[in-house]
Amino acid sequence: MIKAILVFNNHGKVRLTKFFQYYTEEEQTQIIKETFHLVSKRDDTVCNFLEGGSLIGGSDYKLIYRHYATLYFVFCVDPSESELGILDLIQVFVEALDKCFENVCELDLIFHVDKVHYILSEICMGGLVLETNLNEIVNRIEEQNKIERNEAGISAAPARALSSMKNMNIPQQIKDNINIKMPDLPSINLSNLKFH
């Protein structure tokens, strides 16, 4: 079972966290710092799994990670998970991000955190792996994007209608219609009128 998923950059700045077990905010911060220290000090030539830090379960859990350019993708798992299976799952997650954002970078994770969490929830939920087939994941993402575009079209309808009304220049049309020539009426001298 997956206990946590962490993504942070080379400087330890968090870009994504997903804990599948309750930790206080302070504990989460400490776990992230400890995990960053454990993973970042490792040489790129060593294997990509190690024992979990003392805060996230110690030797009972494993940290499985991949380092891509400026980002570390770290999955903390219990002994029932296959190290190679989780490495492959990380690869699927990164490829799904890459297909969704077309050449994913760190800024995509910062500015599109909702989409990143959606992609992650297609892959695993509640600490259990749901889907490993990249094509299925991408299909679900495309379906969600289509729904969002349709909803954006519906919700944007009032704004488009208002814009159309403004373009019609209704005040000018009203003015043009009001300036209708009325027939000349005879002038009446009001000073000669007497009231009883």
Protein backbone atom coordinates (compact mmCIF):
# COMPACT_ATOMS: atom_id res chain seq x y z
CA MET A 1 0.00 0.00 0.00
CA ILE A 2 1.20 3.51 -0.77
CA LYS A 3 1.56 5.66 2.33
CA ALA A 4 2.55 8.97 0.70
CA ILE A 5 3.48 10.54 -2.63
CA LEU A 6 5.85 13.50 -2.58
CA VAL A 7 7.20 15.61 -5.39
CA PHE A 8 9.81 18.25 -4.64
CA ASN A 9 12.49 20.07 -6.58
CA ASN A 10 16.28 19.95 -6.20
CA HIS A 11 16.09 22.61 -3.46
CA GLY A 12 13.48 20.77 -1.38
CA LYS A 13 10.54 22.98 -2.41
CA VAL A 14 7.37 20.91 -2.36
CA ARG A 15 5.48 20.71 -5.63
CA LEU A 16 2.98 17.96 -4.74
CA THR A 17 2.06 16.03 -1.61
CA LYS A 18 -0.48 13.30 -1.16
CA PHE A 19 -0.62 11.51 2.18
CA PHE A 20 -2.84 8.45 2.47
CA GLN A 21 -2.50 8.36 6.25
CA TYR A 22 -3.27 11.21 8.63
CA TYR A 23 -0.36 13.38 9.73
CA THR A 24 -0.55 16.82 11.25
CA GLU A 25 0.73 19.67 9.11
CA GLU A 26 3.85 19.88 11.26
CA GLU A 27 4.50 16.15 10.88
CA GLN A 28 4.02 16.39 7.12
CA THR A 29 6.57 19.21 6.94
CA GLN A 30 9.08 17.16 8.94
CA ILE A 31 8.48 14.07 6.79
CA ILE A 32 9.08 16.10 3.62
CA LYS A 33 12.32 17.57 5.01
CA GLU A 34 13.57 14.17 6.17
CA THR A 35 12.64 12.51 2.87
CA PHE A 36 14.35 15.26 0.88
CA HIS A 37 17.56 14.81 2.92
CA LEU A 38 17.49 11.04 2.46
CA VAL A 39 16.86 11.15 -1.27
CA SER A 40 18.83 14.22 -2.37
CA LYS A 41 22.13 13.14 -0.81
CA ARG A 42 22.11 9.88 -2.79
CA ASP A 43 24.29 9.52 -5.84
CA ASP A 44 22.53 9.11 -9.21
CA THR A 45 24.36 5.81 -9.76
CA VAL A 46 22.79 3.99 -6.77
CA CYS A 47 19.44 2.19 -6.77
CA ASN A 48 16.23 4.17 -6.42
CA PHE A 49 14.89 2.59 -3.23
CA LEU A 50 15.88 2.94 0.40
CA GLU A 51 14.40 2.52 3.85
CA GLY A 52 11.82 5.07 4.91
CA GLY A 53 12.78 7.85 7.28
CA SER A 54 12.14 7.54 11.00
CA LEU A 55 9.07 9.79 10.75
CA ILE A 56 7.33 7.80 8.05
CA GLY A 57 7.79 4.28 9.36
CA GLY A 58 11.53 3.58 9.37
CA SER A 59 12.64 0.20 8.05
CA ASP A 60 9.03 -0.99 7.79
CA TYR A 61 8.52 1.29 4.79
CA LYS A 62 10.47 1.97 1.62
CA LEU A 63 11.09 5.20 -0.24
CA ILE A 64 11.04 4.58 -3.97
CA TYR A 65 11.96 7.56 -6.11
CA ARG A 66 12.94 8.83 -9.52
CA HIS A 67 14.83 12.01 -10.28
CA TYR A 68 13.77 13.80 -13.48
CA ALA A 69 15.61 17.05 -14.33
CA THR A 70 14.71 19.33 -11.40
CA LEU A 71 12.10 17.12 -9.71
CA TYR A 72 12.13 14.14 -7.36
CA PHE A 73 9.07 11.88 -7.45
CA VAL A 74 8.99 9.88 -4.21
CA PHE A 75 6.53 7.15 -3.23
CA CYS A 76 6.59 5.85 0.32
CA VAL A 77 5.22 2.29 0.37
CA ASP A 78 4.82 -0.63 2.75
CA PRO A 79 6.65 -3.96 2.20
CA SER A 80 3.73 -5.47 0.24
CA GLU A 81 4.48 -3.24 -2.78
CA SER A 82 6.97 -4.24 -5.45
CA GLU A 83 9.87 -1.80 -5.79
CA LEU A 84 10.05 -2.30 -9.55
CA GLY A 85 6.27 -2.00 -9.86
CA ILE A 86 6.34 1.36 -8.05
CA LEU A 87 9.25 2.55 -10.21
CA ASP A 88 7.12 1.70 -13.23
CA LEU A 89 4.14 3.49 -11.65
CA ILE A 90 6.24 6.64 -11.19
CA GLN A 91 7.19 6.42 -14.87
CA VAL A 92 3.50 6.09 -15.85
CA PHE A 93 2.63 9.11 -13.66
CA VAL A 94 5.35 11.24 -15.27
CA GLU A 95 4.37 10.16 -18.79
CA ALA A 96 0.71 10.97 -18.07
CA LEU A 97 1.77 14.43 -16.85
CA ASP A 98 3.89 14.84 -19.97
CA LYS A 99 0.98 13.95 -22.28
CA CYS A 100 -1.41 16.22 -20.39
CA PHE A 101 0.89 19.26 -20.29
CA GLU A 102 2.91 18.58 -23.46
CA ASN A 103 6.45 18.48 -22.17
CA VAL A 104 5.72 18.84 -18.46
CA CYS A 105 7.90 21.08 -16.32
CA GLU A 106 7.99 22.20 -12.70
CA LEU A 107 5.78 25.24 -13.44
CA ASP A 108 2.99 22.98 -14.70
CA LEU A 109 2.88 21.32 -11.28
CA ILE A 110 2.71 24.73 -9.61
CA PHE A 111 0.07 26.38 -11.78
CA HIS A 112 -2.10 23.33 -12.55
CA VAL A 113 -2.14 21.58 -9.20
CA ASP A 114 -5.81 20.61 -9.64
CA LYS A 115 -5.10 18.76 -12.89
CA VAL A 116 -2.03 17.09 -11.38
CA HIS A 117 -4.15 15.80 -8.49
CA TYR A 118 -6.78 14.61 -10.95
CA ILE A 119 -4.15 12.65 -12.90
CA LEU A 120 -2.81 11.21 -9.66
CA SER A 121 -6.30 10.17 -8.57
CA GLU A 122 -6.70 8.28 -11.85
CA ILE A 123 -3.56 6.30 -10.99
CA CYS A 124 -4.06 5.66 -7.29
CA MET A 125 -6.59 6.44 -4.60
CA GLY A 126 -6.59 5.73 -0.90
CA GLY A 127 -3.08 4.32 -1.19
CA LEU A 128 -4.12 1.64 -3.69
CA VAL A 129 -3.06 1.50 -7.31
CA LEU A 130 -6.09 1.83 -9.60
CA GLU A 131 -4.68 2.08 -13.10
CA THR A 132 -1.28 1.49 -14.68
CA ASN A 133 -2.28 1.61 -18.35
CA LEU A 134 -1.10 4.95 -19.70
CA ASN A 135 -3.65 4.96 -22.55
CA GLU A 136 -6.56 4.50 -20.12
CA ILE A 137 -5.28 7.30 -17.91
CA VAL A 138 -4.85 9.66 -20.85
CA ASN A 139 -8.35 8.78 -22.13
CA ARG A 140 -9.86 9.68 -18.73
CA ILE A 141 -7.94 12.97 -18.71
CA GLU A 142 -9.16 13.83 -22.22
CA GLU A 143 -12.75 13.01 -21.21
CA GLN A 144 -12.42 15.31 -18.19
CA ASN A 145 -10.97 18.10 -20.36
CA LYS A 146 -13.90 17.73 -22.78
CA ILE A 147 -16.39 18.03 -19.90
CA GLU A 148 -14.58 21.13 -18.63
CA ARG A 149 -14.67 22.74 -22.08
CA ASN A 150 -18.40 22.02 -22.41
CA GLU A 151 -19.09 23.46 -18.96
CA ALA A 152 -16.97 26.49 -19.77
CA GLY A 153 -19.09 27.02 -22.87
CA ILE A 154 -22.29 26.89 -20.84
CA SER A 155 -21.03 29.10 -18.04
CA ALA A 156 -19.59 31.57 -20.52
CA ALA A 157 -22.96 31.98 -22.32
CA PRO A 158 -24.18 34.91 -20.17
CA ALA A 159 -20.93 36.78 -20.73
CA ARG A 160 -21.10 36.17 -24.48
CA ALA A 161 -24.72 37.39 -24.55
CA LEU A 162 -23.77 40.55 -22.67
CA SER A 163 -20.87 41.15 -25.03
CA SER A 164 -23.20 40.74 -28.02
CA MET A 165 -25.63 43.24 -26.52
CA LYS A 166 -22.82 45.75 -26.04
CA ASN A 167 -21.75 45.28 -29.64
CA MET A 168 -25.27 46.03 -30.84
CA ASN A 169 -24.90 49.61 -29.50
CA ILE A 170 -28.47 49.70 -28.21
CA PRO A 171 -28.22 53.21 -26.69
CA GLN A 172 -27.47 54.63 -30.14
CA GLN A 173 -30.36 52.71 -31.69
CA ILE A 174 -32.72 54.10 -29.04
CA LYS A 175 -31.49 57.62 -29.73
CA ASP A 176 -32.01 57.13 -33.45
CA ASN A 177 -35.59 55.98 -32.86
CA ILE A 178 -36.38 58.80 -30.43
CA ASN A 179 -35.34 61.50 -32.88
CA ILE A 180 -38.45 60.95 -34.92
CA LYS A 181 -39.76 64.15 -36.48
CA MET A 182 -42.99 65.16 -34.82
CA PRO A 183 -45.40 67.43 -36.69
CA ASP A 184 -45.22 71.10 -35.76
CA LEU A 185 -47.93 72.15 -33.34
CA PRO A 186 -49.35 75.66 -33.32
CA SER A 187 -47.76 77.82 -30.69
CA ILE A 188 -50.01 78.96 -27.87
CA ASN A 189 -49.42 82.11 -25.91
CA LEU A 190 -49.95 81.10 -22.27
CA SER A 191 -50.03 84.66 -20.93
CA ASN A 192 -53.49 85.30 -22.45
CA LEU A 193 -55.07 82.34 -20.71
CA LYS A 194 -57.25 82.98 -17.72
CA PHE A 195 -58.06 80.42 -15.07
CA HIS A 196 -61.28 80.50 -13.03
